[in-house]
Amino acid sequence: MTGWDISPSGVDSILSLVGLAADDLGKDIKGYGTSVQDAAESAGTISGPYCGGPPVGPVGAAVANFVSDTESSIKFMAARIKKTMDGTVEATGAYVDGDLAMAARTQREAAKAPTPAELRAVGEQTKHHGGGA
């Protein structure tokens, strides 16, 4: 712990880059959602004119299952990024303030897997903003 030599401006620079990458990832996830929805709708069944929505065929159902199966992994990834970035900011602040014990605790907490509450928060943010991380 006493061997730490942190450059707050260096941390800020890296966090800015990570933030840009997270924004890009969020856009990619939003695009992924739109693309898989389009794919599921386009992979209907061969049929004549129909009333209502197009029928869902086996490919569309498989795409929907894939999305359902990967949703928790995507939420976990977004929550992990957020928790790591927030923890880095807090730990660096504690380090700058000279509170090395708090910096170490914050670092340990940030390294843990996201809690169910953190995962729910990311899920709610995704619903309201239409993206991931």
C-alpha atoms as a PDB file:
ATOM      1  CA  MET A   1       0.000   0.000   0.000  1.00  0.00           C
ATOM      2  CA  THR A   2       2.720   2.509   0.853  1.00  0.00           C
ATOM      3  CA  GLY A   3       4.347   1.634  -2.462  1.00  0.00           C
ATOM      4  CA  TRP A   4       1.563   3.307  -4.411  1.00  0.00           C
ATOM      5  CA  ASP A   5       2.615   6.143  -6.660  1.00  0.00           C
ATOM      6  CA  ILE A   6      -0.525   7.381  -8.355  1.00  0.00           C
ATOM      7  CA  SER A   7      -0.694  10.281 -10.760  1.00  0.00           C
ATOM      8  CA  PRO A   8      -4.233  11.697 -10.412  1.00  0.00           C
ATOM      9  CA  SER A   9      -3.940  13.396 -13.804  1.00  0.00           C
ATOM     10  CA  GLY A  10      -2.874  10.073 -15.325  1.00  0.00           C
ATOM     11  CA  VAL A  11      -5.855   8.344 -13.718  1.00  0.00           C
ATOM     12  CA  ASP A  12      -8.135  11.089 -15.049  1.00  0.00           C
ATOM     13  CA  SER A  13      -6.693  10.653 -18.536  1.00  0.00           C
ATOM     14  CA  ILE A  14      -7.215   6.891 -18.476  1.00  0.00           C
ATOM     15  CA  LEU A  15     -10.746   7.254 -17.082  1.00  0.00           C
ATOM     16  CA  SER A  16     -11.554   9.657 -19.916  1.00  0.00           C
ATOM     17  CA  LEU A  17     -10.431   7.046 -22.438  1.00  0.00           C
ATOM     18  CA  VAL A  18     -12.359   4.303 -20.643  1.00  0.00           C
ATOM     19  CA  GLY A  19     -15.412   6.584 -20.577  1.00  0.00           C
ATOM     20  CA  LEU A  20     -15.185   7.086 -24.333  1.00  0.00           C
ATOM     21  CA  ALA A  21     -14.848   3.339 -24.849  1.00  0.00           C
ATOM     22  CA  ALA A  22     -17.826   2.723 -22.540  1.00  0.00           C
ATOM     23  CA  ASP A  23     -19.899   5.245 -24.514  1.00  0.00           C
ATOM     24  CA  ASP A  24     -18.964   3.455 -27.744  1.00  0.00           C
ATOM     25  CA  LEU A  25     -19.857   0.128 -26.157  1.00  0.00           C
ATOM     26  CA  GLY A  26     -23.224   1.549 -25.098  1.00  0.00           C
ATOM     27  CA  LYS A  27     -23.905   2.624 -28.681  1.00  0.00           C
ATOM     28  CA  ASP A  28     -22.852  -0.814 -29.926  1.00  0.00           C
ATOM     29  CA  ILE A  29     -25.183  -2.511 -27.450  1.00  0.00           C
ATOM     30  CA  LYS A  30     -28.046  -0.265 -28.520  1.00  0.00           C
ATOM     31  CA  GLY A  31     -27.277  -1.131 -32.157  1.00  0.00           C
ATOM     32  CA  TYR A  32     -27.104  -4.809 -31.216  1.00  0.00           C
ATOM     33  CA  GLY A  33     -30.583  -4.589 -29.710  1.00  0.00           C
ATOM     34  CA  THR A  34     -31.976  -2.951 -32.827  1.00  0.00           C
ATOM     35  CA  SER A  35     -30.187  -5.379 -35.146  1.00  0.00           C
ATOM     36  CA  VAL A  36     -31.344  -8.526 -33.387  1.00  0.00           C
ATOM     37  CA  GLN A  37     -34.906  -7.224 -33.265  1.00  0.00           C
ATOM     38  CA  ASP A  38     -34.766  -6.545 -37.014  1.00  0.00           C
ATOM     39  CA  ALA A  39     -33.229  -9.986 -37.604  1.00  0.00           C
ATOM     40  CA  ALA A  40     -35.928 -11.719 -35.591  1.00  0.00           C
ATOM     41  CA  GLU A  41     -38.664  -9.866 -37.472  1.00  0.00           C
ATOM     42  CA  SER A  42     -37.068 -10.493 -40.876  1.00  0.00           C
ATOM     43  CA  ALA A  43     -36.602 -14.193 -40.213  1.00  0.00           C
ATOM     44  CA  GLY A  44     -40.331 -14.903 -40.188  1.00  0.00           C
ATOM     45  CA  THR A  45     -41.984 -17.780 -41.926  1.00  0.00           C
ATOM     46  CA  ILE A  46     -42.928 -18.080 -45.573  1.00  0.00           C
ATOM     47  CA  SER A  47     -46.594 -17.241 -45.751  1.00  0.00           C
ATOM     48  CA  GLY A  48     -49.107 -15.306 -47.728  1.00  0.00           C
ATOM     49  CA  PRO A  49     -50.846 -12.144 -46.653  1.00  0.00           C
ATOM     50  CA  TYR A  50     -51.612 -12.042 -42.950  1.00  0.00           C
ATOM     51  CA  CYS A  51     -53.411  -9.830 -40.487  1.00  0.00           C
ATOM     52  CA  GLY A  52     -51.564  -8.438 -37.502  1.00  0.00           C
ATOM     53  CA  GLY A  53     -47.870  -8.890 -36.907  1.00  0.00           C
ATOM     54  CA  PRO A  54     -45.764 -11.220 -39.020  1.00  0.00           C
ATOM     55  CA  PRO A  55     -45.545 -14.807 -37.801  1.00  0.00           C
ATOM     56  CA  VAL A  56     -42.424 -15.789 -35.883  1.00  0.00           C
ATOM     57  CA  GLY A  57     -40.547 -18.737 -37.316  1.00  0.00           C
ATOM     58  CA  PRO A  58     -37.888 -20.946 -35.743  1.00  0.00           C
ATOM     59  CA  VAL A  59     -35.015 -18.600 -36.672  1.00  0.00           C
ATOM     60  CA  GLY A  60     -36.793 -15.622 -35.125  1.00  0.00           C
ATOM     61  CA  ALA A  61     -37.479 -17.665 -31.997  1.00  0.00           C
ATOM     62  CA  ALA A  62     -33.811 -18.719 -31.825  1.00  0.00           C
ATOM     63  CA  VAL A  63     -32.694 -15.086 -32.122  1.00  0.00           C
ATOM     64  CA  ALA A  64     -35.099 -14.115 -29.325  1.00  0.00           C
ATOM     65  CA  ASN A  65     -33.738 -16.952 -27.152  1.00  0.00           C
ATOM     66  CA  PHE A  66     -30.166 -15.823 -27.829  1.00  0.00           C
ATOM     67  CA  VAL A  67     -30.994 -12.267 -26.761  1.00  0.00           C
ATOM     68  CA  SER A  68     -32.705 -13.532 -23.635  1.00  0.00           C
ATOM     69  CA  ASP A  69     -29.750 -15.786 -22.801  1.00  0.00           C
ATOM     70  CA  THR A  70     -27.143 -13.019 -23.234  1.00  0.00           C
ATOM     71  CA  GLU A  71     -29.035 -10.143 -21.576  1.00  0.00           C
ATOM     72  CA  SER A  72     -27.657 -10.833 -18.091  1.00  0.00           C
ATOM     73  CA  SER A  73     -24.073 -10.976 -19.414  1.00  0.00           C
ATOM     74  CA  ILE A  74     -24.470  -7.609 -21.107  1.00  0.00           C
ATOM     75  CA  LYS A  75     -25.943  -6.047 -17.947  1.00  0.00           C
ATOM     76  CA  PHE A  76     -23.114  -7.553 -15.891  1.00  0.00           C
ATOM     77  CA  MET A  77     -20.518  -6.099 -18.254  1.00  0.00           C
ATOM     78  CA  ALA A  78     -22.064  -2.616 -18.035  1.00  0.00           C
ATOM     79  CA  ALA A  79     -22.321  -2.790 -14.228  1.00  0.00           C
ATOM     80  CA  ARG A  80     -18.726  -4.046 -13.963  1.00  0.00           C
ATOM     81  CA  ILE A  81     -17.450  -1.101 -16.032  1.00  0.00           C
ATOM     82  CA  LYS A  82     -19.444   1.413 -13.981  1.00  0.00           C
ATOM     83  CA  LYS A  83     -18.358  -0.073 -10.650  1.00  0.00           C
ATOM     84  CA  THR A  84     -14.710  -0.132 -11.679  1.00  0.00           C
ATOM     85  CA  MET A  85     -14.738   3.457 -12.931  1.00  0.00           C
ATOM     86  CA  ASP A  86     -16.589   4.765  -9.859  1.00  0.00           C
ATOM     87  CA  GLY A  87     -14.264   2.849  -7.540  1.00  0.00           C
ATOM     88  CA  THR A  88     -11.208   4.191  -9.331  1.00  0.00           C
ATOM     89  CA  VAL A  89     -12.408   7.767  -8.855  1.00  0.00           C
ATOM     90  CA  GLU A  90     -13.162   7.178  -5.157  1.00  0.00           C
ATOM     91  CA  ALA A  91      -9.893   5.333  -4.457  1.00  0.00           C
ATOM     92  CA  THR A  92      -7.851   8.008  -6.213  1.00  0.00           C
ATOM     93  CA  GLY A  93      -9.640  10.722  -4.225  1.00  0.00           C
ATOM     94  CA  ALA A  94      -8.876   8.911  -0.970  1.00  0.00           C
ATOM     95  CA  TYR A  95      -5.240   8.507  -2.049  1.00  0.00           C
ATOM     96  CA  VAL A  96      -4.956  12.225  -2.838  1.00  0.00           C
ATOM     97  CA  ASP A  97      -6.491  13.016   0.573  1.00  0.00           C
ATOM     98  CA  GLY A  98      -3.837  10.813   2.193  1.00  0.00           C
ATOM     99  CA  ASP A  99      -6.340   8.193   3.405  1.00  0.00           C
ATOM    100  CA  LEU A 100      -4.551   5.098   2.157  1.00  0.00           C
ATOM    101  CA  ALA A 101      -6.729   2.747   4.217  1.00  0.00           C
ATOM    102  CA  MET A 102      -9.869   4.163   2.566  1.00  0.00           C
ATOM    103  CA  ALA A 103      -8.188   3.945  -0.842  1.00  0.00           C
ATOM    104  CA  ALA A 104      -7.430   0.259  -0.225  1.00  0.00           C
ATOM    105  CA  ARG A 105     -10.997  -0.478   0.977  1.00  0.00           C
ATOM    106  CA  THR A 106     -12.475   1.319  -2.008  1.00  0.00           C
ATOM    107  CA  GLN A 107     -10.193  -0.568  -4.369  1.00  0.00           C
ATOM    108  CA  ARG A 108     -11.222  -3.907  -2.829  1.00  0.00           C
ATOM    109  CA  GLU A 109     -14.923  -3.030  -3.095  1.00  0.00           C
ATOM    110  CA  ALA A 110     -14.548  -1.925  -6.721  1.00  0.00           C
ATOM    111  CA  ALA A 111     -12.893  -5.246  -7.572  1.00  0.00           C
ATOM    112  CA  LYS A 112     -15.919  -7.226  -6.354  1.00  0.00           C
ATOM    113  CA  ALA A 113     -18.640  -8.406  -8.696  1.00  0.00           C
ATOM    114  CA  PRO A 114     -21.578  -6.030  -9.047  1.00  0.00           C
ATOM    115  CA  THR A 115     -24.336  -6.471  -6.470  1.00  0.00           C
ATOM    116  CA  PRO A 116     -27.914  -7.277  -7.500  1.00  0.00           C
ATOM    117  CA  ALA A 117     -28.816  -3.631  -6.786  1.00  0.00           C
ATOM    118  CA  GLU A 118     -26.012  -2.426  -9.085  1.00  0.00           C
ATOM    119  CA  LEU A 119     -27.194  -4.792 -11.817  1.00  0.00           C
ATOM    120  CA  ARG A 120     -30.786  -3.543 -11.440  1.00  0.00           C
ATOM    121  CA  ALA A 121     -29.583   0.071 -11.632  1.00  0.00           C
ATOM    122  CA  VAL A 122     -27.792  -0.635 -14.913  1.00  0.00           C
ATOM    123  CA  GLY A 123     -30.894  -2.402 -16.237  1.00  0.00           C
ATOM    124  CA  GLU A 124     -33.046   0.613 -15.354  1.00  0.00           C
ATOM    125  CA  GLN A 125     -30.538   3.000 -16.939  1.00  0.00           C
ATOM    126  CA  THR A 126     -30.576   0.890 -20.105  1.00  0.00           C
ATOM    127  CA  LYS A 127     -34.383   1.033 -20.268  1.00  0.00           C
ATOM    128  CA  HIS A 128     -34.450   4.817 -19.829  1.00  0.00           C
ATOM    129  CA  HIS A 129     -31.517   5.702 -22.086  1.00  0.00           C
ATOM    130  CA  GLY A 130     -31.635   2.916 -24.659  1.00  0.00           C
ATOM    131  CA  GLY A 131     -28.013   1.842 -24.287  1.00  0.00           C
ATOM    132  CA  GLY A 132     -25.651  -0.214 -22.175  1.00  0.00           C
ATOM    133  CA  ALA A 133     -22.564   0.875 -20.264  1.00  0.00           C
END
